[in-house]
Protein backbone atom coordinates (compact mmCIF):
# COMPACT_ATOMS: atom_id res chain seq x y z
CA GLN A 1 -35.96 -20.03 -95.53
CA VAL A 2 -32.97 -18.35 -93.99
CA GLN A 3 -31.97 -18.69 -90.36
CA LEU A 4 -29.87 -16.08 -88.59
CA VAL A 5 -28.05 -16.37 -85.27
CA GLU A 6 -26.28 -13.44 -83.65
CA SER A 7 -23.51 -13.56 -81.08
CA GLY A 8 -20.96 -11.29 -79.49
CA GLY A 9 -23.04 -8.95 -77.39
CA GLY A 10 -22.19 -8.07 -73.83
CA LEU A 11 -21.27 -5.36 -71.38
CA VAL A 12 -18.54 -2.88 -72.27
CA GLN A 13 -17.29 0.42 -70.90
CA ALA A 14 -17.84 3.60 -72.86
CA GLY A 15 -15.10 4.02 -75.42
CA GLY A 16 -14.64 0.29 -75.76
CA SER A 17 -15.25 -2.06 -78.66
CA LEU A 18 -17.31 -5.13 -79.46
CA ARG A 19 -17.71 -7.27 -82.54
CA LEU A 20 -21.06 -8.82 -83.29
CA SER A 21 -21.34 -11.86 -85.52
CA CYS A 22 -24.30 -13.20 -87.46
CA GLU A 23 -24.30 -16.66 -88.96
CA ALA A 24 -26.71 -17.34 -91.79
CA SER A 25 -27.92 -20.81 -92.71
CA GLY A 26 -30.56 -22.33 -94.95
CA ARG A 27 -31.13 -20.79 -98.39
CA THR A 28 -28.27 -18.34 -98.16
CA SER A 29 -28.01 -18.27 -101.95
CA SER A 30 -31.26 -16.30 -101.96
CA ILE A 31 -29.91 -13.47 -99.78
CA LEU A 32 -29.63 -10.12 -101.50
CA ARG A 33 -28.67 -7.87 -98.63
CA MET A 34 -27.83 -8.09 -94.93
CA ALA A 35 -28.24 -5.46 -92.27
CA TRP A 36 -27.86 -4.77 -88.58
CA PHE A 37 -30.69 -3.14 -86.67
CA ARG A 38 -30.94 -2.14 -83.05
CA GLN A 39 -33.73 -1.31 -80.67
CA ALA A 40 -33.30 0.47 -77.36
CA PRO A 41 -35.98 0.39 -74.65
CA GLY A 42 -38.80 2.75 -75.50
CA LYS A 43 -37.39 3.54 -78.93
CA GLU A 44 -38.19 2.44 -82.45
CA ARG A 45 -36.05 -0.10 -84.22
CA GLU A 46 -33.23 1.58 -86.13
CA ARG A 47 -31.34 0.25 -89.14
CA ILE A 48 -27.71 1.07 -88.47
CA ALA A 49 -25.73 -0.71 -91.19
CA GLY A 50 -26.31 -2.65 -94.38
CA ILE A 51 -24.26 -4.45 -97.00
CA ALA A 52 -24.92 -6.36 -100.19
CA TRP A 53 -24.45 -10.10 -99.71
CA SER A 54 -22.37 -10.20 -102.88
CA GLY A 55 -20.19 -7.35 -101.72
CA GLY A 56 -20.07 -3.68 -102.51
CA LEU A 57 -20.63 -0.50 -100.66
CA ALA A 58 -21.89 -0.55 -97.12
CA SER A 59 -24.33 2.00 -95.73
CA TYR A 60 -24.57 3.38 -92.23
CA ALA A 61 -26.89 5.43 -90.11
CA ASP A 62 -25.49 8.80 -89.12
CA SER A 63 -25.57 7.71 -85.48
CA VAL A 64 -22.87 5.09 -86.07
CA LYS A 65 -21.01 6.36 -89.11
CA GLY A 66 -17.27 6.41 -88.53
CA ARG A 67 -17.52 4.16 -85.48
CA PHE A 68 -19.16 0.96 -86.73
CA THR A 69 -18.10 -1.23 -89.66
CA ILE A 70 -20.19 -3.93 -91.29
CA SER A 71 -18.47 -6.73 -93.19
CA ARG A 72 -19.30 -10.15 -94.52
CA ASN A 73 -17.60 -13.46 -95.26
CA ASN A 74 -19.64 -15.30 -97.83
CA ALA A 75 -17.53 -18.44 -97.59
CA ARG A 76 -18.54 -18.76 -93.95
CA ASN A 77 -22.03 -17.26 -94.36
CA MET A 78 -21.15 -14.67 -91.75
CA VAL A 79 -21.83 -10.97 -91.32
CA TYR A 80 -20.04 -8.91 -88.71
CA LEU A 81 -20.50 -5.57 -87.02
CA GLN A 82 -17.35 -4.08 -85.56
CA MET A 83 -18.32 -1.43 -83.03
CA ASN A 84 -15.70 1.01 -81.80
CA SER A 85 -15.84 4.07 -79.57
CA LEU A 86 -19.01 2.79 -78.01
CA LYS A 87 -21.28 5.21 -76.18
CA PRO A 88 -23.97 4.61 -73.55
CA GLU A 89 -26.57 5.56 -76.16
CA ASP A 90 -25.48 2.53 -78.21
CA THR A 91 -27.08 0.32 -75.55
CA ALA A 92 -29.74 -1.75 -77.28
CA VAL A 93 -30.67 -5.18 -78.54
CA TYR A 94 -28.92 -5.69 -81.86
CA TYR A 95 -30.51 -7.75 -84.61
CA CYS A 96 -29.15 -9.22 -87.78
CA ALA A 97 -31.55 -9.25 -90.73
CA ALA A 98 -31.59 -10.56 -94.29
CA ARG A 99 -33.50 -9.60 -97.38
CA THR A 100 -33.92 -11.65 -100.51
CA ALA A 101 -34.45 -10.43 -104.04
CA ILE A 102 -38.21 -10.94 -103.86
CA MET A 103 -38.66 -9.23 -100.51
CA GLY A 104 -39.48 -5.59 -100.26
CA GLU A 105 -38.27 -5.45 -96.68
CA TYR A 106 -35.97 -7.43 -94.41
CA GLY A 107 -37.91 -10.62 -93.82
CA TYR A 108 -35.50 -12.83 -91.90
CA TRP A 109 -34.36 -11.90 -88.41
CA GLY A 110 -32.10 -13.25 -85.74
CA GLN A 111 -33.06 -13.52 -82.09
CA GLY A 112 -31.05 -10.46 -81.10
CA THR A 113 -28.08 -9.91 -78.85
CA GLN A 114 -27.89 -7.40 -76.00
CA VAL A 115 -25.22 -4.72 -76.03
CA THR A 116 -24.85 -2.63 -72.90
CA VAL A 117 -22.42 0.27 -72.74
CA ALA A 118 -21.65 1.50 -69.25
CA SER A 119 -20.69 5.12 -68.68
């Protein structure tokens, strides 16, 4: 089992920045890939960034490309999402998720952290 806890959400003005953190615990050695998802009210959950736990290229949704950066610190079992140039449409609950080698989908999820961008 892997446990994930997000932090760092809050209220920010449009154009501002926030950094989300996700701490992984448990069987972290089984993690293959980490990702950040978000879900806005009335909308489907969207995968916005992903990165291999062992390092390598990150991937981003077009909606955040060039503004958000995902990174990880394996020594601390942490994954981060640096969010710059925030827009009101970035308002959502943000979730950290993990996938292991035997999972076809992301099977471990954090509780979510609210990000609200005021115009």
